[in-house]
PDB file of N, CA and C in Angstrom:
ATOM      1  N   MET A   1     132.375 100.959 225.388  1.00  0.00           N
ATOM      2  CA  MET A   1     133.678 100.425 225.887  1.00  0.00           C
ATOM      3  C   MET A   1     132.437  99.710 226.976  1.00  0.00           C
ATOM      4  N   ASN A   2     132.654  98.446 226.809  1.00  0.00           N
ATOM      5  CA  ASN A   2     131.818  97.391 227.800  1.00  0.00           C
ATOM      6  C   ASN A   2     132.817  97.032 228.873  1.00  0.00           C
ATOM      7  N   ASN A   3     131.932  96.683 230.026  1.00  0.00           N
ATOM      8  CA  ASN A   3     132.885  96.096 231.231  1.00  0.00           C
ATOM      9  C   ASN A   3     132.154  95.117 231.297  1.00  0.00           C
ATOM     10  N   THR A   4     133.238  93.965 231.869  1.00  0.00           N
ATOM     11  CA  THR A   4     132.915  92.739 231.470  1.00  0.00           C
ATOM     12  C   THR A   4     132.930  92.334 232.841  1.00  0.00           C
ATOM     13  N   ILE A   5     132.029  91.264 233.600  1.00  0.00           N
ATOM     14  CA  ILE A   5     132.481  91.080 234.620  1.00  0.00           C
ATOM     15  C   ILE A   5     133.658  89.336 234.909  1.00  0.00           C
ATOM     16  N   VAL A   6     134.255  89.617 235.505  1.00  0.00           N
ATOM     17  CA  VAL A   6     135.168  88.325 235.216  1.00  0.00           C
ATOM     18  C   VAL A   6     135.475  87.356 236.742  1.00  0.00           C
ATOM     19  N   LEU A   7     134.528  87.891 237.487  1.00  0.00           N
ATOM     20  CA  LEU A   7     134.575  87.208 239.031  1.00  0.00           C
ATOM     21  C   LEU A   7     133.651  87.417 239.857  1.00  0.00           C
ATOM     22  N   SER A   8     132.962  86.691 240.275  1.00  0.00           N
ATOM     23  CA  SER A   8     131.541  86.949 241.080  1.00  0.00           C
ATOM     24  C   SER A   8     131.968  85.448 242.269  1.00  0.00           C
ATOM     25  N   LYS A   9     132.182  85.829 243.276  1.00  0.00           N
ATOM     26  CA  LYS A   9     132.498  84.581 244.240  1.00  0.00           C
ATOM     27  C   LYS A   9     132.233  85.113 245.708  1.00  0.00           C
ATOM     28  N   ASP A  10     132.130  84.241 246.496  1.00  0.00           N
ATOM     29  CA  ASP A  10     132.338  84.349 248.100  1.00  0.00           C
ATOM     30  C   ASP A  10     133.523  83.608 248.211  1.00  0.00           C
ATOM     31  N   PHE A  11     134.433  84.505 249.161  1.00  0.00           N
ATOM     32  CA  PHE A  11     136.029  83.895 249.077  1.00  0.00           C
ATOM     33  C   PHE A  11     136.174  83.918 250.605  1.00  0.00           C
ATOM     34  N   ALA A  12     136.219  82.622 251.342  1.00  0.00           N
ATOM     35  CA  ALA A  12     137.198  82.130 252.504  1.00  0.00           C
ATOM     36  C   ALA A  12     138.480  82.905 252.794  1.00  0.00           C
ATOM     37  N   ALA A  13     138.853  83.311 253.866  1.00  0.00           N
ATOM     38  CA  ALA A  13     140.083  83.775 254.337  1.00  0.00           C
ATOM     39  C   ALA A  13     141.288  83.468 253.458  1.00  0.00           C
ATOM     40  N   HIS A  14     142.113  84.222 252.752  1.00  0.00           N
ATOM     41  CA  HIS A  14     143.232  83.572 251.980  1.00  0.00           C
ATOM     42  C   HIS A  14     143.036  82.624 250.667  1.00  0.00           C
ATOM     43  N   GLU A  15     141.549  82.619 250.334  1.00  0.00           N
ATOM     44  CA  GLU A  15     141.523  81.664 249.026  1.00  0.00           C
ATOM     45  C   GLU A  15     141.936  82.336 247.878  1.00  0.00           C
ATOM     46  N   SER A  16     141.964  81.912 246.819  1.00  0.00           N
ATOM     47  CA  SER A  16     142.609  82.213 245.945  1.00  0.00           C
ATOM     48  C   SER A  16     141.634  81.465 244.311  1.00  0.00           C
ATOM     49  N   ALA A  17     141.376  82.168 243.773  1.00  0.00           N
ATOM     50  CA  ALA A  17     140.608  81.860 242.295  1.00  0.00           C
ATOM     51  C   ALA A  17     141.677  82.126 241.209  1.00  0.00           C
ATOM     52  N   VAL A  18     141.298  81.350 240.014  1.00  0.00           N
ATOM     53  CA  VAL A  18     142.006  81.698 238.768  1.00  0.00           C
ATOM     54  C   VAL A  18     141.344  81.851 237.517  1.00  0.00           C
ATOM     55  N   VAL A  19     141.353  83.329 236.959  1.00  0.00           N
ATOM     56  CA  VAL A  19     140.673  83.472 236.028  1.00  0.00           C
ATOM     57  C   VAL A  19     140.872  83.307 234.500  1.00  0.00           C
ATOM     58  N   ASP A  20     140.421  82.762 233.384  1.00  0.00           N
ATOM     59  CA  ASP A  20     141.303  82.303 232.229  1.00  0.00           C
ATOM     60  C   ASP A  20     140.610  83.876 231.327  1.00  0.00           C
ATOM     61  N   LEU A  21     140.988  84.568 231.061  1.00  0.00           N
ATOM     62  CA  LEU A  21     140.905  85.838 230.184  1.00  0.00           C
ATOM     63  C   LEU A  21     141.200  85.818 229.131  1.00  0.00           C
ATOM     64  N   LYS A  22     141.904  84.710 228.458  1.00  0.00           N
ATOM     65  CA  LYS A  22     142.171  84.366 227.174  1.00  0.00           C
ATOM     66  C   LYS A  22     140.736  83.709 226.438  1.00  0.00           C
ATOM     67  N   SER A  23     140.547  82.822 227.176  1.00  0.00           N
ATOM     68  CA  SER A  23     138.790  82.149 226.777  1.00  0.00           C
ATOM     69  C   SER A  23     137.650  82.847 226.635  1.00  0.00           C
ATOM     70  N   CYS A  24     138.067  84.003 227.342  1.00  0.00           N
ATOM     71  CA  CYS A  24     137.305  85.021 227.496  1.00  0.00           C
ATOM     72  C   CYS A  24     136.774  85.952 226.442  1.00  0.00           C
ATOM     73  N   GLY A  25     137.954  85.899 225.687  1.00  0.00           N
ATOM     74  CA  GLY A  25     138.609  87.197 224.510  1.00  0.00           C
ATOM     75  C   GLY A  25     139.264  88.190 225.397  1.00  0.00           C
ATOM     76  N   LEU A  26     139.340  88.054 226.194  1.00  0.00           N
ATOM     77  CA  LEU A  26     139.576  89.694 227.090  1.00  0.00           C
ATOM     78  C   LEU A  26     141.277  90.175 227.342  1.00  0.00           C
ATOM     79  N   VAL A  27     142.015  89.333 226.389  1.00  0.00           N
ATOM     80  CA  VAL A  27     143.579  89.838 226.616  1.00  0.00           C
ATOM     81  C   VAL A  27     143.980  91.021 225.606  1.00  0.00           C
ATOM     82  N   ASN A  28     143.437  91.368 225.037  1.00  0.00           N
ATOM     83  CA  ASN A  28     143.612  92.812 224.259  1.00  0.00           C
ATOM     84  C   ASN A  28     142.547  93.835 224.386  1.00  0.00           C
ATOM     85  N   PRO A  29     142.804  94.541 224.598  1.00  0.00           N
ATOM     86  CA  PRO A  29     143.320  95.584 225.216  1.00  0.00           C
ATOM     87  C   PRO A  29     143.158  95.170 226.725  1.00  0.00           C
ATOM     88  N   LEU A  30     144.105  94.828 227.765  1.00  0.00           N
ATOM     89  CA  LEU A  30     143.857  95.356 228.899  1.00  0.00           C
ATOM     90  C   LEU A  30     143.752  96.526 229.387  1.00  0.00           C
ATOM     91  N   ARG A  31     143.186  96.916 230.454  1.00  0.00           N
ATOM     92  CA  ARG A  31     142.894  98.064 231.077  1.00  0.00           C
ATOM     93  C   ARG A  31     142.813  98.798 232.477  1.00  0.00           C
ATOM     94  N   ALA A  32     141.882  98.350 232.988  1.00  0.00           N
ATOM     95  CA  ALA A  32     141.457  98.128 233.940  1.00  0.00           C
ATOM     96  C   ALA A  32     140.869  97.273 235.031  1.00  0.00           C
ATOM     97  N   LEU A  33     141.032  96.768 236.333  1.00  0.00           N
ATOM     98  CA  LEU A  33     140.056  95.916 236.868  1.00  0.00           C
ATOM     99  C   LEU A  33     140.218  96.475 238.272  1.00  0.00           C
ATOM    100  N   THR A  34     138.873  96.114 238.432  1.00  0.00           N
ATOM    101  CA  THR A  34     138.151  96.862 239.371  1.00  0.00           C
ATOM    102  C   THR A  34     137.387  95.439 240.350  1.00  0.00           C
ATOM    103  N   PHE A  35     137.694  95.303 241.846  1.00  0.00           N
ATOM    104  CA  PHE A  35     136.628  94.682 242.673  1.00  0.00           C
ATOM    105  C   PHE A  35     135.538  94.886 243.402  1.00  0.00           C
ATOM    106  N   GLN A  36     134.583  94.849 244.049  1.00  0.00           N
ATOM    107  CA  GLN A  36     134.085  95.472 245.140  1.00  0.00           C
ATOM    108  C   GLN A  36     133.065  94.298 245.861  1.00  0.00           C
ATOM    109  N   ASN A  37     133.239  94.687 247.316  1.00  0.00           N
ATOM    110  CA  ASN A  37     132.273  93.300 248.169  1.00  0.00           C
ATOM    111  C   ASN A  37     130.991  94.335 248.374  1.00  0.00           C
ATOM    112  N   LYS A  38     130.315  93.363 249.387  1.00  0.00           N
ATOM    113  CA  LYS A  38     128.888  93.580 249.339  1.00  0.00           C
ATOM    114  C   LYS A  38     128.689  94.930 250.254  1.00  0.00           C
ATOM    115  N   THR A  39     129.781  95.397 251.176  1.00  0.00           N
ATOM    116  CA  THR A  39     129.686  96.616 251.622  1.00  0.00           C
ATOM    117  C   THR A  39     130.269  97.931 251.391  1.00  0.00           C
ATOM    118  N   GLY A  40     130.552  97.401 249.767  1.00  0.00           N
ATOM    119  CA  GLY A  40     131.004  98.865 249.267  1.00  0.00           C
ATOM    120  C   GLY A  40     132.382  99.033 249.133  1.00  0.00           C
ATOM    121  N   GLN A  41     133.309  98.497 250.016  1.00  0.00           N
ATOM    122  CA  GLN A  41     134.708  98.687 250.055  1.00  0.00           C
ATOM    123  C   GLN A  41     135.214  98.186 248.515  1.00  0.00           C
ATOM    124  N   SER A  42     136.407  98.819 247.633  1.00  0.00           N
ATOM    125  CA  SER A  42     136.911  98.252 246.348  1.00  0.00           C
ATOM    126  C   SER A  42     138.107  98.439 246.495  1.00  0.00           C
ATOM    127  N   ALA A  43     138.439  97.777 245.082  1.00  0.00           N
ATOM    128  CA  ALA A  43     140.241  97.713 244.641  1.00  0.00           C
ATOM    129  C   ALA A  43     140.412  98.011 243.447  1.00  0.00           C
ATOM    130  N   LYS A  44     141.689  98.613 242.627  1.00  0.00           N
ATOM    131  CA  LYS A  44     141.141  98.874 241.287  1.00  0.00           C
ATOM    132  C   LYS A  44     142.785  99.013 241.260  1.00  0.00           C
ATOM    133  N   PHE A  45     142.613  98.236 239.974  1.00  0.00           N
ATOM    134  CA  PHE A  45     144.222  97.564 239.714  1.00  0.00           C
ATOM    135  C   PHE A  45     144.404  98.056 238.490  1.00  0.00           C
ATOM    136  N   LEU A  46     145.575  98.818 237.531  1.00  0.00           N
ATOM    137  CA  LEU A  46     145.696  99.498 236.436  1.00  0.00           C
ATOM    138  C   LEU A  46     146.608  98.476 235.416  1.00  0.00           C
ATOM    139  N   TRP A  47     146.653  98.389 234.239  1.00  0.00           N
ATOM    140  CA  TRP A  47     147.244  97.562 233.661  1.00  0.00           C
ATOM    141  C   TRP A  47     148.536  97.807 233.138  1.00  0.00           C
ATOM    142  N   GLN A  48     149.730  97.294 233.650  1.00  0.00           N
ATOM    143  CA  GLN A  48     151.096  98.216 232.880  1.00  0.00           C
ATOM    144  C   GLN A  48     151.707  97.530 232.231  1.00  0.00           C
ATOM    145  N   GLY A  49     151.275  97.619 230.852  1.00  0.00           N
ATOM    146  CA  GLY A  49     151.660  96.598 229.695  1.00  0.00           C
ATOM    147  C   GLY A  49     153.470  97.142 229.676  1.00  0.00           C
ATOM    148  N   ASP A  50     154.079  95.903 229.297  1.00  0.00           N
ATOM    149  CA  ASP A  50     155.438  96.098 229.103  1.00  0.00           C
ATOM    150  C   ASP A  50     156.134  96.773 227.226  1.00  0.00           C
ATOM    151  N   ILE A  51     156.433  97.717 227.237  1.00  0.00           N
ATOM    152  CA  ILE A  51     156.534  98.449 225.849  1.00  0.00           C
ATOM    153  C   ILE A  51     157.399  98.170 224.818  1.00  0.00           C
ATOM    154  N   ILE A  52     158.284  97.214 225.820  1.00  0.00           N
ATOM    155  CA  ILE A  52     159.563  96.868 225.207  1.00  0.00           C
ATOM    156  C   ILE A  52     159.296  95.311 224.400  1.00  0.00           C
ATOM    157  N   TYR A  53     158.543  94.417 225.063  1.00  0.00           N
ATOM    158  CA  TYR A  53     158.410  93.006 224.522  1.00  0.00           C
ATOM    159  C   TYR A  53     157.044  93.051 223.703  1.00  0.00           C
ATOM    160  N   ASN A  54     155.844  93.357 224.143  1.00  0.00           N
ATOM    161  CA  ASN A  54     154.819  93.175 224.100  1.00  0.00           C
ATOM    162  C   ASN A  54     153.539  93.698 224.967  1.00  0.00           C
ATOM    163  N   LYS A  55     153.259  95.005 225.136  1.00  0.00           N
ATOM    164  CA  LYS A  55     152.554  95.844 226.035  1.00  0.00           C
ATOM    165  C   LYS A  55     151.023  95.033 225.893  1.00  0.00           C
ATOM    166  N   ASP A  56     150.499  94.303 225.399  1.00  0.00           N
ATOM    167  CA  ASP A  56     149.081  93.644 225.428  1.00  0.00           C
ATOM    168  C   ASP A  56     149.249  92.681 226.398  1.00  0.00           C
ATOM    169  N   LYS A  57     150.399  91.808 226.036  1.00  0.00           N
ATOM    170  CA  LYS A  57     149.984  90.614 226.447  1.00  0.00           C
ATOM    171  C   LYS A  57     150.734  90.161 228.151  1.00  0.00           C
ATOM    172  N   VAL A  58     151.894  91.125 228.027  1.00  0.00           N
ATOM    173  CA  VAL A  58     153.327  91.238 228.906  1.00  0.00           C
ATOM    174  C   VAL A  58     152.701  92.179 229.793  1.00  0.00           C
ATOM    175  N   GLY A  59     152.905  91.985 231.219  1.00  0.00           N
ATOM    176  CA  GLY A  59     152.773  92.923 232.142  1.00  0.00           C
ATOM    177  C   GLY A  59     152.273  92.347 233.212  1.00  0.00           C
ATOM    178  N   TYR A  60     151.754  93.800 233.946  1.00  0.00           N
ATOM    179  CA  TYR A  60     151.148  93.317 235.140  1.00  0.00           C
ATOM    180  C   TYR A  60     150.000  94.043 235.807  1.00  0.00           C
ATOM    181  N   PHE A  61     149.296  94.101 237.023  1.00  0.00           N
ATOM    182  CA  PHE A  61     148.240  94.804 237.361  1.00  0.00           C
ATOM    183  C   PHE A  61     148.763  95.726 238.271  1.00  0.00           C
ATOM    184  N   LYS A  62     148.933  96.871 238.169  1.00  0.00           N
ATOM    185  CA  LYS A  62     149.410  97.774 239.310  1.00  0.00           C
ATOM    186  C   LYS A  62     148.091  98.239 240.163  1.00  0.00           C
ATOM    187  N   GLU A  63     148.354  97.899 241.760  1.00  0.00           N
ATOM    188  CA  GLU A  63     147.702  98.311 242.447  1.00  0.00           C
ATOM    189  C   GLU A  63     147.223  99.760 242.373  1.00  0.00           C
ATOM    190  N   ILE A  64     146.224 100.608 242.530  1.00  0.00           N
ATOM    191  CA  ILE A  64     146.116 102.060 242.697  1.00  0.00           C
ATOM    192  C   ILE A  64     145.179 102.062 243.819  1.00  0.00           C
ATOM    193  N   ASN A  65     144.499 101.162 244.495  1.00  0.00           N
ATOM    194  CA  ASN A  65     143.551 101.467 245.464  1.00  0.00           C
ATOM    195  C   ASN A  65     143.371 100.158 246.229  1.00  0.00           C
ATOM    196  N   ASN A  66     143.459  99.566 247.199  1.00  0.00           N
ATOM    197  CA  ASN A  66     142.789  98.250 247.728  1.00  0.00           C
ATOM    198  C   ASN A  66     142.433  98.579 249.183  1.00  0.00           C
ATOM    199  N   ASP A  67     141.073  98.503 249.378  1.00  0.00           N
ATOM    200  CA  ASP A  67     140.327  98.683 250.628  1.00  0.00           C
ATOM    201  C   ASP A  67     139.958  96.673 250.908  1.00  0.00           C
ATOM    202  N   LEU A  68     140.355  96.275 250.000  1.00  0.00           N
ATOM    203  CA  LEU A  68     140.002  94.801 250.393  1.00  0.00           C
ATOM    204  C   LEU A  68     141.024  93.937 250.931  1.00  0.00           C
ATOM    205  N   GLY A  69     142.288  94.231 250.636  1.00  0.00           N
ATOM    206  CA  GLY A  69     143.259  93.376 250.765  1.00  0.00           C
ATOM    207  C   GLY A  69     143.309  91.910 250.468  1.00  0.00           C
ATOM    208  N   ILE A  70     143.498  91.978 248.821  1.00  0.00           N
ATOM    209  CA  ILE A  70     143.302  91.062 247.822  1.00  0.00           C
ATOM    210  C   ILE A  70     144.285  91.478 247.210  1.00  0.00           C
ATOM    211  N   LYS A  71     145.115  90.293 246.333  1.00  0.00           N
ATOM    212  CA  LYS A  71     146.307  90.812 245.571  1.00  0.00           C
ATOM    213  C   LYS A  71     145.817  90.074 243.916  1.00  0.00           C
ATOM    214  N   VAL A  72     146.546  90.510 242.975  1.00  0.00           N
ATOM    215  CA  VAL A  72     146.142  90.196 241.717  1.00  0.00           C
ATOM    216  C   VAL A  72     147.614  89.942 241.032  1.00  0.00           C
ATOM    217  N   ASN A  73     147.592  88.748 240.193  1.00  0.00           N
ATOM    218  CA  ASN A  73     148.880  88.297 239.786  1.00  0.00           C
ATOM    219  C   ASN A  73     148.494  87.959 238.039  1.00  0.00           C
ATOM    220  N   HIS A  74     148.948  88.472 237.034  1.00  0.00           N
ATOM    221  CA  HIS A  74     148.801  88.316 235.901  1.00  0.00           C
ATOM    222  C   HIS A  74     149.737  87.406 235.427  1.00  0.00           C
ATOM    223  N   TYR A  75     149.593  85.974 234.640  1.00  0.00           N
ATOM    224  CA  TYR A  75     150.333  85.694 233.808  1.00  0.00           C
ATOM    225  C   TYR A  75     149.610  84.910 232.258  1.00  0.00           C
ATOM    226  N   GLU A  76     150.323  85.418 231.224  1.00  0.00           N
ATOM    227  CA  GLU A  76     149.988  84.855 230.397  1.00  0.00           C
ATOM    228  C   GLU A  76     148.494  84.911 229.701  1.00  0.00           C
ATOM    229  N   GLY A  77     147.596  85.669 230.302  1.00  0.00           N
ATOM    230  CA  GLY A  77     146.155  85.415 229.999  1.00  0.00           C
ATOM    231  C   GLY A  77     145.161  85.036 230.832  1.00  0.00           C
ATOM    232  N   PHE A  78     146.205  84.670 232.260  1.00  0.00           N
ATOM    233  CA  PHE A  78     145.647  84.236 233.443  1.00  0.00           C
ATOM    234  C   PHE A  78     145.734  85.383 234.444  1.00  0.00           C
ATOM    235  N   ILE A  79     144.458  85.392 235.306  1.00  0.00           N
ATOM    236  CA  ILE A  79     144.643  86.474 236.379  1.00  0.00           C
ATOM    237  C   ILE A  79     144.491  85.535 237.773  1.00  0.00           C
ATOM    238  N   THR A  80     145.062  85.630 238.748  1.00  0.00           N
ATOM    239  CA  THR A  80     144.959  85.351 239.520  1.00  0.00           C
ATOM    240  C   THR A  80     144.743  86.025 240.797  1.00  0.00           C
ATOM    241  N   VAL A  81     143.164  85.524 241.715  1.00  0.00           N
ATOM    242  CA  VAL A  81     142.811  86.826 242.585  1.00  0.00           C
ATOM    243  C   VAL A  81     142.990  86.331 243.853  1.00  0.00           C
ATOM    244  N   THR A  82     143.805  86.544 245.251  1.00  0.00           N
ATOM    245  CA  THR A  82     143.725  86.037 246.300  1.00  0.00           C
ATOM    246  C   THR A  82     143.359  87.254 246.940  1.00  0.00           C
ATOM    247  N   ASN A  83     142.240  86.134 247.863  1.00  0.00           N
ATOM    248  CA  ASN A  83     141.896  87.352 249.292  1.00  0.00           C
ATOM    249  C   ASN A  83     142.892  87.438 250.454  1.00  0.00           C
ATOM    250  N   GLY A  84     142.422  88.361 251.060  1.00  0.00           N
ATOM    251  CA  GLY A  84     143.251  89.238 252.288  1.00  0.00           C
ATOM    252  C   GLY A  84     142.429  87.829 253.597  1.00  0.00           C
ATOM    253  N   GLY A  85     142.732  88.440 254.735  1.00  0.00           N
ATOM    254  CA  GLY A  85     142.303  87.509 255.390  1.00  0.00           C
ATOM    255  C   GLY A  85     140.859  87.434 256.304  1.00  0.00           C
ATOM    256  N   GLY A  86     140.089  87.827 255.753  1.00  0.00           N
ATOM    257  CA  GLY A  86     138.721  87.681 255.837  1.00  0.00           C
ATOM    258  C   GLY A  86     137.782  86.855 254.887  1.00  0.00           C
ATOM    259  N   GLU A  87     136.499  86.838 255.232  1.00  0.00           N
ATOM    260  CA  GLU A  87     135.766  86.034 254.077  1.00  0.00           C
ATOM    261  C   GLU A  87     134.930  87.067 253.879  1.00  0.00           C
ATOM    262  N   GLN A  88     134.657  87.112 252.584  1.00  0.00           N
ATOM    263  CA  GLN A  88     133.828  88.331 251.387  1.00  0.00           C
ATOM    264  C   GLN A  88     133.523  87.873 249.947  1.00  0.00           C
ATOM    265  N   TYR A  89     132.281  88.406 249.634  1.00  0.00           N
ATOM    266  CA  TYR A  89     131.732  88.341 248.562  1.00  0.00           C
ATOM    267  C   TYR A  89     132.674  89.078 247.796  1.00  0.00           C
ATOM    268  N   LEU A  90     133.210  88.740 246.395  1.00  0.00           N
ATOM    269  CA  LEU A  90     133.924  89.636 245.650  1.00  0.00           C
ATOM    270  C   LEU A  90     133.278  89.653 244.225  1.00  0.00           C
ATOM    271  N   GLU A  91     133.095  90.775 243.518  1.00  0.00           N
ATOM    272  CA  GLU A  91     132.369  90.857 242.772  1.00  0.00           C
ATOM    273  C   GLU A  91     133.451  91.777 241.223  1.00  0.00           C
ATOM    274  N   GLY A  92     134.810  91.080 240.626  1.00  0.00           N
ATOM    275  CA  GLY A  92     135.498  91.660 239.649  1.00  0.00           C
ATOM    276  C   GLY A  92     135.096  92.164 238.137  1.00  0.00           C
ATOM    277  N   GLU A  93     135.680  93.244 237.770  1.00  0.00           N
ATOM    278  CA  GLU A  93     135.210  94.077 236.701  1.00  0.00           C
ATOM    279  C   GLU A  93     136.103  94.295 236.156  1.00  0.00           C
ATOM    280  N   LEU A  94     136.450  93.796 234.608  1.00  0.00           N
ATOM    281  CA  LEU A  94     137.294  93.949 233.592  1.00  0.00           C
ATOM    282  C   LEU A  94     136.761  95.586 232.793  1.00  0.00           C
ATOM    283  N   LYS A  95     137.767  96.160 232.481  1.00  0.00           N
ATOM    284  CA  LYS A  95     137.530  97.415 231.765  1.00  0.00           C
ATOM    285  C   LYS A  95     138.066  97.467 230.680  1.00  0.00           C
ATOM    286  N   PRO A  96     137.597  97.229 229.289  1.00  0.00           N
ATOM    287  CA  PRO A  96     138.542  97.436 228.346  1.00  0.00           C
ATOM    288  C   PRO A  96     138.998  98.661 227.980  1.00  0.00           C
TER     289      PRO A  96
END
């Protein structure tokens, strides 16, 4: 099981970035998304698939812990990461 870096970026306050998981071949299966900044603070989101329609493609990332104040949204193979109120460097990792 390999972890894949999906985002490595210096964010301004309230800045967003979109990551295309489909073009990286990372849509199935999604499991956990973790972020960390340079000071060691982190955030973790777990994939919650929709078991009725298609649990691999339809769902959302549920926030488990979030010391970074970021938001993550998923839509058809893309995720949008929105930074909180301060400038910070974030590195995001997807764990299949």
